[in-house]
Amino acid sequence: MQDALDAIQENESDSPDRQILFESAALAILTHVLESGTRIDLAVSEYLKQTSIGSDETHVRPDLIICVSDCLGLLHRAADGTPDDVRQVLDGATRAWRNADRTRRLSAQGGITRIQACIGNIRRAIGANS
């Protein structure tokens, strides 16, 4: 479940952008949910136990649950088919998200919450592969 987070940490400086880490966590949790069928809230809890993301934040768990839940719906709508189709859309979206120009990403500032930025950036990545 840590593949996305590991990839970001390898490609970023010593202090990776918190929004990037948050979105990476959402993508890793989405992968886990699709592969295992685990409920979103349980998958988020498992992920947070395994990583240090958000250990200093009180709202990271509910924020991730909201993002993962919303993005899972986006994936199902984009795939419009079988679970294998959903997984293919997620794989393509993850690649597009990793390759996205940092200057074009939404960030949690200027009135945009990290939830809105996360969903928006993942939505763009899904759209790039549809």
N, C-alpha and C. Protein backbone atom coordinates (compact mmCIF):
# COMPACT_ATOMS: atom_id res chain seq x y z
N MET A 1 0.82 -1.19 0.00
CA MET A 1 0.00 0.00 0.00
C MET A 1 0.86 1.26 0.00
N GLN A 2 2.14 1.15 0.21
CA GLN A 2 2.98 2.32 0.29
C GLN A 2 3.66 2.68 -1.02
N ASP A 3 3.38 1.97 -2.10
CA ASP A 3 4.08 2.19 -3.35
C ASP A 3 4.02 3.64 -3.80
N ALA A 4 2.85 4.25 -3.80
CA ALA A 4 2.71 5.63 -4.28
C ALA A 4 3.48 6.58 -3.39
N LEU A 5 3.39 6.40 -2.07
CA LEU A 5 4.11 7.27 -1.15
C LEU A 5 5.61 7.12 -1.33
N ASP A 6 6.10 5.89 -1.47
CA ASP A 6 7.52 5.65 -1.68
C ASP A 6 8.00 6.33 -2.96
N ALA A 7 7.21 6.24 -4.02
CA ALA A 7 7.60 6.85 -5.29
C ALA A 7 7.71 8.36 -5.16
N ILE A 8 6.80 8.97 -4.43
CA ILE A 8 6.85 10.41 -4.25
C ILE A 8 8.06 10.80 -3.43
N GLN A 9 8.34 10.08 -2.36
CA GLN A 9 9.46 10.42 -1.51
C GLN A 9 10.77 10.26 -2.25
N GLU A 10 10.86 9.31 -3.18
CA GLU A 10 12.07 9.13 -3.96
C GLU A 10 12.27 10.29 -4.93
N ASN A 11 11.18 10.85 -5.43
CA ASN A 11 11.27 11.88 -6.46
C ASN A 11 11.28 13.30 -5.90
N GLU A 12 10.99 13.47 -4.64
CA GLU A 12 10.89 14.79 -4.06
C GLU A 12 12.08 15.06 -3.15
N SER A 13 12.22 16.28 -2.70
CA SER A 13 13.27 16.64 -1.77
C SER A 13 12.99 16.03 -0.41
N ASP A 14 13.82 16.37 0.57
CA ASP A 14 13.67 15.80 1.91
C ASP A 14 12.34 16.14 2.56
N SER A 15 11.72 17.23 2.19
CA SER A 15 10.43 17.59 2.79
C SER A 15 9.38 17.72 1.69
N PRO A 16 8.80 16.60 1.28
CA PRO A 16 7.83 16.63 0.19
C PRO A 16 6.59 17.45 0.56
N ASP A 17 6.01 18.01 -0.44
CA ASP A 17 4.80 18.82 -0.27
C ASP A 17 3.72 18.00 0.41
N ARG A 18 3.11 18.53 1.46
CA ARG A 18 2.09 17.81 2.22
C ARG A 18 0.88 17.46 1.35
N GLN A 19 0.54 18.32 0.41
CA GLN A 19 -0.59 18.01 -0.48
C GLN A 19 -0.28 16.82 -1.36
N ILE A 20 0.93 16.76 -1.87
CA ILE A 20 1.35 15.64 -2.70
C ILE A 20 1.29 14.35 -1.88
N LEU A 21 1.77 14.39 -0.66
CA LEU A 21 1.71 13.21 0.21
C LEU A 21 0.27 12.80 0.49
N PHE A 22 -0.59 13.78 0.71
CA PHE A 22 -2.00 13.49 0.98
C PHE A 22 -2.64 12.81 -0.23
N GLU A 23 -2.40 13.35 -1.43
CA GLU A 23 -2.96 12.76 -2.64
C GLU A 23 -2.37 11.39 -2.92
N SER A 24 -1.09 11.23 -2.65
CA SER A 24 -0.44 9.93 -2.81
C SER A 24 -1.07 8.91 -1.88
N ALA A 25 -1.36 9.32 -0.67
CA ALA A 25 -2.03 8.43 0.28
C ALA A 25 -3.41 8.04 -0.23
N ALA A 26 -4.16 9.00 -0.76
CA ALA A 26 -5.49 8.71 -1.29
C ALA A 26 -5.41 7.69 -2.42
N LEU A 27 -4.44 7.83 -3.31
CA LEU A 27 -4.28 6.88 -4.42
C LEU A 27 -3.88 5.49 -3.91
N ALA A 28 -2.99 5.44 -2.93
CA ALA A 28 -2.58 4.15 -2.37
C ALA A 28 -3.77 3.47 -1.69
N ILE A 29 -4.57 4.23 -0.99
CA ILE A 29 -5.74 3.67 -0.32
C ILE A 29 -6.78 3.20 -1.34
N LEU A 30 -6.97 3.98 -2.40
CA LEU A 30 -7.88 3.55 -3.47
C LEU A 30 -7.44 2.21 -4.04
N THR A 31 -6.16 2.06 -4.27
CA THR A 31 -5.63 0.80 -4.80
C THR A 31 -5.94 -0.34 -3.83
N HIS A 32 -5.69 -0.12 -2.56
CA HIS A 32 -5.94 -1.15 -1.55
C HIS A 32 -7.42 -1.52 -1.50
N VAL A 33 -8.29 -0.53 -1.54
CA VAL A 33 -9.73 -0.78 -1.50
C VAL A 33 -10.16 -1.61 -2.70
N LEU A 34 -9.67 -1.26 -3.89
CA LEU A 34 -10.05 -2.01 -5.10
C LEU A 34 -9.49 -3.42 -5.11
N GLU A 35 -8.27 -3.59 -4.61
CA GLU A 35 -7.65 -4.92 -4.62
C GLU A 35 -8.23 -5.84 -3.56
N SER A 36 -8.56 -5.29 -2.39
CA SER A 36 -8.93 -6.14 -1.27
C SER A 36 -10.42 -6.12 -0.93
N GLY A 37 -11.12 -5.09 -1.38
CA GLY A 37 -12.52 -4.96 -1.02
C GLY A 37 -12.73 -4.42 0.39
N THR A 38 -11.65 -3.98 1.02
CA THR A 38 -11.72 -3.43 2.37
C THR A 38 -12.57 -2.17 2.37
N ARG A 39 -13.34 -1.98 3.42
CA ARG A 39 -14.11 -0.74 3.56
C ARG A 39 -13.14 0.45 3.60
N ILE A 40 -13.59 1.57 3.08
CA ILE A 40 -12.74 2.75 2.98
C ILE A 40 -12.24 3.19 4.35
N ASP A 41 -13.11 3.26 5.35
CA ASP A 41 -12.68 3.73 6.66
C ASP A 41 -11.62 2.81 7.27
N LEU A 42 -11.76 1.52 7.07
CA LEU A 42 -10.77 0.58 7.59
C LEU A 42 -9.45 0.68 6.81
N ALA A 43 -9.54 0.85 5.51
CA ALA A 43 -8.33 0.99 4.69
C ALA A 43 -7.56 2.25 5.07
N VAL A 44 -8.28 3.33 5.35
CA VAL A 44 -7.62 4.57 5.77
C VAL A 44 -6.92 4.35 7.11
N SER A 45 -7.60 3.72 8.04
CA SER A 45 -7.00 3.46 9.35
C SER A 45 -5.75 2.60 9.22
N GLU A 46 -5.82 1.55 8.40
CA GLU A 46 -4.66 0.69 8.17
C GLU A 46 -3.49 1.49 7.61
N TYR A 47 -3.78 2.32 6.62
CA TYR A 47 -2.74 3.13 5.99
C TYR A 47 -2.08 4.07 6.99
N LEU A 48 -2.89 4.72 7.79
CA LEU A 48 -2.35 5.68 8.76
C LEU A 48 -1.52 4.99 9.84
N LYS A 49 -1.83 3.75 10.14
CA LYS A 49 -1.02 2.99 11.11
C LYS A 49 0.35 2.65 10.53
N GLN A 50 0.42 2.48 9.20
CA GLN A 50 1.65 2.07 8.54
C GLN A 50 2.55 3.23 8.15
N THR A 51 2.02 4.43 8.13
CA THR A 51 2.80 5.58 7.67
C THR A 51 2.76 6.69 8.72
N SER A 52 3.58 7.67 8.49
CA SER A 52 3.60 8.81 9.42
C SER A 52 2.83 10.01 8.88
N ILE A 53 2.20 9.86 7.72
CA ILE A 53 1.46 10.99 7.16
C ILE A 53 0.35 11.41 8.11
N GLY A 54 0.29 12.67 8.38
CA GLY A 54 -0.78 13.22 9.20
C GLY A 54 -0.70 12.90 10.67
N SER A 55 0.43 12.39 11.13
CA SER A 55 0.52 12.04 12.54
C SER A 55 0.40 13.27 13.45
N ASP A 56 0.65 14.43 12.88
CA ASP A 56 0.52 15.66 13.66
C ASP A 56 -0.78 16.42 13.35
N GLU A 57 -1.68 15.79 12.61
CA GLU A 57 -2.93 16.43 12.22
C GLU A 57 -4.12 15.62 12.73
N THR A 58 -5.11 16.32 13.25
CA THR A 58 -6.27 15.63 13.80
C THR A 58 -7.30 15.25 12.75
N HIS A 59 -7.34 15.93 11.63
CA HIS A 59 -8.41 15.70 10.65
C HIS A 59 -7.97 14.91 9.42
N VAL A 60 -6.79 14.34 9.43
CA VAL A 60 -6.33 13.65 8.23
C VAL A 60 -7.18 12.41 7.93
N ARG A 61 -7.59 11.66 8.93
CA ARG A 61 -8.40 10.45 8.70
C ARG A 61 -9.73 10.78 8.02
N PRO A 62 -10.54 11.68 8.60
CA PRO A 62 -11.80 11.97 7.91
C PRO A 62 -11.60 12.61 6.54
N ASP A 63 -10.56 13.42 6.38
CA ASP A 63 -10.29 14.03 5.08
C ASP A 63 -9.96 12.96 4.04
N LEU A 64 -9.15 11.97 4.42
CA LEU A 64 -8.83 10.89 3.49
C LEU A 64 -10.06 10.05 3.17
N ILE A 65 -10.90 9.80 4.16
CA ILE A 65 -12.12 9.02 3.90
C ILE A 65 -12.99 9.73 2.87
N ILE A 66 -13.14 11.04 3.01
CA ILE A 66 -13.95 11.82 2.07
C ILE A 66 -13.33 11.76 0.67
N CYS A 67 -12.02 11.98 0.57
CA CYS A 67 -11.36 11.98 -0.73
C CYS A 67 -11.43 10.63 -1.41
N VAL A 68 -11.12 9.58 -0.68
CA VAL A 68 -11.13 8.24 -1.26
C VAL A 68 -12.54 7.87 -1.70
N SER A 69 -13.51 8.17 -0.88
CA SER A 69 -14.90 7.84 -1.22
C SER A 69 -15.33 8.57 -2.49
N ASP A 70 -15.06 9.85 -2.56
CA ASP A 70 -15.45 10.62 -3.74
C ASP A 70 -14.71 10.14 -4.99
N CYS A 71 -13.41 9.91 -4.85
CA CYS A 71 -12.61 9.47 -6.00
C CYS A 71 -13.00 8.07 -6.45
N LEU A 72 -13.41 7.21 -5.53
CA LEU A 72 -13.88 5.89 -5.92
C LEU A 72 -15.12 6.00 -6.80
N GLY A 73 -16.00 6.92 -6.47
CA GLY A 73 -17.17 7.17 -7.31
C GLY A 73 -16.77 7.68 -8.69
N LEU A 74 -15.79 8.57 -8.73
CA LEU A 74 -15.29 9.09 -10.01
C LEU A 74 -14.72 7.95 -10.86
N LEU A 75 -13.98 7.06 -10.23
CA LEU A 75 -13.39 5.93 -10.96
C LEU A 75 -14.47 5.03 -11.54
N HIS A 76 -15.49 4.73 -10.75
CA HIS A 76 -16.57 3.86 -11.23
C HIS A 76 -17.31 4.51 -12.40
N ARG A 77 -17.56 5.81 -12.32
CA ARG A 77 -18.24 6.49 -13.43
C ARG A 77 -17.37 6.52 -14.68
N ALA A 78 -16.07 6.74 -14.50
CA ALA A 78 -15.17 6.79 -15.66
C ALA A 78 -15.00 5.41 -16.30
N ALA A 79 -15.00 4.36 -15.48
CA ALA A 79 -14.78 3.01 -16.01
C ALA A 79 -16.04 2.48 -16.68
N ASP A 80 -17.19 2.78 -16.11
CA ASP A 80 -18.46 2.36 -16.69
C ASP A 80 -18.43 0.88 -17.09
N GLY A 81 -17.93 0.04 -16.16
CA GLY A 81 -17.86 -1.38 -16.50
C GLY A 81 -17.50 -2.24 -15.32
N THR A 82 -16.66 -3.21 -15.58
CA THR A 82 -16.30 -4.22 -14.59
C THR A 82 -15.26 -3.70 -13.61
N PRO A 83 -15.05 -4.43 -12.50
CA PRO A 83 -14.00 -4.05 -11.55
C PRO A 83 -12.61 -3.96 -12.20
N ASP A 84 -12.35 -4.82 -13.20
CA ASP A 84 -11.07 -4.74 -13.91
C ASP A 84 -10.94 -3.40 -14.64
N ASP A 85 -12.05 -2.92 -15.20
CA ASP A 85 -12.04 -1.62 -15.87
C ASP A 85 -11.73 -0.50 -14.87
N VAL A 86 -12.31 -0.59 -13.68
CA VAL A 86 -12.07 0.42 -12.64
C VAL A 86 -10.59 0.43 -12.28
N ARG A 87 -10.01 -0.73 -12.14
CA ARG A 87 -8.59 -0.82 -11.79
C ARG A 87 -7.71 -0.25 -12.90
N GLN A 88 -8.09 -0.49 -14.15
CA GLN A 88 -7.33 0.07 -15.28
C GLN A 88 -7.41 1.58 -15.29
N VAL A 89 -8.59 2.13 -15.00
CA VAL A 89 -8.74 3.58 -14.93
C VAL A 89 -7.88 4.14 -13.79
N LEU A 90 -7.88 3.46 -12.64
CA LEU A 90 -7.04 3.91 -11.53
C LEU A 90 -5.57 3.86 -11.89
N ASP A 91 -5.13 2.81 -12.53
CA ASP A 91 -3.72 2.70 -12.92
C ASP A 91 -3.33 3.84 -13.87
N GLY A 92 -4.19 4.11 -14.84
CA GLY A 92 -3.91 5.21 -15.77
C GLY A 92 -3.93 6.55 -15.09
N ALA A 93 -4.88 6.74 -14.19
CA ALA A 93 -4.98 8.00 -13.45
C ALA A 93 -3.77 8.20 -12.55
N THR A 94 -3.30 7.13 -11.94
CA THR A 94 -2.11 7.23 -11.08
C THR A 94 -0.89 7.64 -11.90
N ARG A 95 -0.74 7.06 -13.08
CA ARG A 95 0.38 7.45 -13.96
C ARG A 95 0.25 8.91 -14.36
N ALA A 96 -0.95 9.32 -14.74
CA ALA A 96 -1.17 10.71 -15.15
C ALA A 96 -0.92 11.66 -13.97
N TRP A 97 -1.36 11.27 -12.79
CA TRP A 97 -1.15 12.10 -11.60
C TRP A 97 0.34 12.27 -11.32
N ARG A 98 1.09 11.17 -11.40
CA ARG A 98 2.54 11.24 -11.15
C ARG A 98 3.25 12.11 -12.17
N ASN A 99 2.75 12.11 -13.41
CA ASN A 99 3.40 12.87 -14.48
C ASN A 99 2.88 14.29 -14.63
N ALA A 100 1.91 14.67 -13.83
CA ALA A 100 1.30 16.00 -13.95
C ALA A 100 2.31 17.10 -13.62
N ASP A 101 2.22 18.16 -14.35
CA ASP A 101 3.06 19.34 -14.13
C ASP A 101 2.70 19.94 -12.77
N ARG A 102 3.68 20.09 -11.91
CA ARG A 102 3.45 20.62 -10.56
C ARG A 102 2.80 22.00 -10.58
N THR A 103 3.09 22.78 -11.60
CA THR A 103 2.53 24.13 -11.65
C THR A 103 1.05 24.13 -12.01
N ARG A 104 0.55 23.02 -12.52
CA ARG A 104 -0.86 22.92 -12.89
C ARG A 104 -1.72 22.26 -11.82
N ARG A 105 -1.10 21.81 -10.74
CA ARG A 105 -1.83 21.13 -9.67
C ARG A 105 -2.56 22.14 -8.79
N LEU A 106 -3.73 21.75 -8.35
CA LEU A 106 -4.43 22.53 -7.33
C LEU A 106 -3.72 22.30 -6.01
N SER A 107 -3.67 23.32 -5.18
CA SER A 107 -3.06 23.15 -3.86
C SER A 107 -3.99 23.71 -2.80
N ALA A 108 -3.78 23.28 -1.58
CA ALA A 108 -4.64 23.69 -0.46
C ALA A 108 -4.21 25.07 0.02
N GLN A 109 -4.65 26.06 -0.71
CA GLN A 109 -4.39 27.44 -0.33
C GLN A 109 -5.37 28.35 -1.06
N GLY A 110 -5.47 29.56 -0.61
CA GLY A 110 -6.36 30.51 -1.27
C GLY A 110 -7.82 30.10 -1.21
N GLY A 111 -8.24 29.49 -0.11
CA GLY A 111 -9.63 29.11 0.04
C GLY A 111 -9.96 27.71 -0.44
N ILE A 112 -8.99 27.02 -1.02
CA ILE A 112 -9.21 25.66 -1.48
C ILE A 112 -8.74 24.73 -0.37
N THR A 113 -9.58 23.79 0.02
CA THR A 113 -9.19 22.84 1.05
C THR A 113 -8.36 21.72 0.45
N ARG A 114 -7.66 20.98 1.29
CA ARG A 114 -6.88 19.86 0.76
C ARG A 114 -7.78 18.79 0.15
N ILE A 115 -9.01 18.68 0.67
CA ILE A 115 -9.96 17.73 0.10
C ILE A 115 -10.32 18.15 -1.33
N GLN A 116 -10.65 19.43 -1.51
CA GLN A 116 -11.01 19.92 -2.84
C GLN A 116 -9.84 19.78 -3.81
N ALA A 117 -8.63 20.11 -3.35
CA ALA A 117 -7.45 20.01 -4.21
C ALA A 117 -7.19 18.56 -4.58
N CYS A 118 -7.30 17.66 -3.63
CA CYS A 118 -7.06 16.24 -3.88
C CYS A 118 -8.06 15.70 -4.91
N ILE A 119 -9.33 15.93 -4.66
CA ILE A 119 -10.34 15.43 -5.59
C ILE A 119 -10.17 16.06 -6.97
N GLY A 120 -9.88 17.34 -7.01
CA GLY A 120 -9.68 18.02 -8.30
C GLY A 120 -8.50 17.48 -9.07
N ASN A 121 -7.38 17.25 -8.38
CA ASN A 121 -6.19 16.74 -9.06
C ASN A 121 -6.38 15.30 -9.53
N ILE A 122 -7.04 14.49 -8.73
CA ILE A 122 -7.28 13.11 -9.15
C ILE A 122 -8.33 13.09 -10.27
N ARG A 123 -9.31 13.96 -10.19
CA ARG A 123 -10.30 14.06 -11.27
C ARG A 123 -9.62 14.42 -12.59
N ARG A 124 -8.69 15.37 -12.56
CA ARG A 124 -7.95 15.73 -13.76
C ARG A 124 -7.16 14.54 -14.30
N ALA A 125 -6.54 13.78 -13.39
CA ALA A 125 -5.76 12.62 -13.81
C ALA A 125 -6.66 11.55 -14.44
N ILE A 126 -7.85 11.36 -13.86
CA ILE A 126 -8.80 10.41 -14.44
C ILE A 126 -9.22 10.90 -15.83
N GLY A 127 -9.52 12.18 -15.95
CA GLY A 127 -9.93 12.77 -17.22
C GLY A 127 -8.85 12.70 -18.29
N ALA A 128 -7.60 12.74 -17.87
CA ALA A 128 -6.50 12.67 -18.83
C ALA A 128 -6.41 11.32 -19.51
N ASN A 129 -7.03 10.31 -18.90
CA ASN A 129 -6.97 8.95 -19.45
C ASN A 129 -8.31 8.46 -19.98
N SER A 130 -9.31 9.30 -19.94
CA SER A 130 -10.65 8.85 -20.41
C SER A 130 -10.82 9.10 -21.88
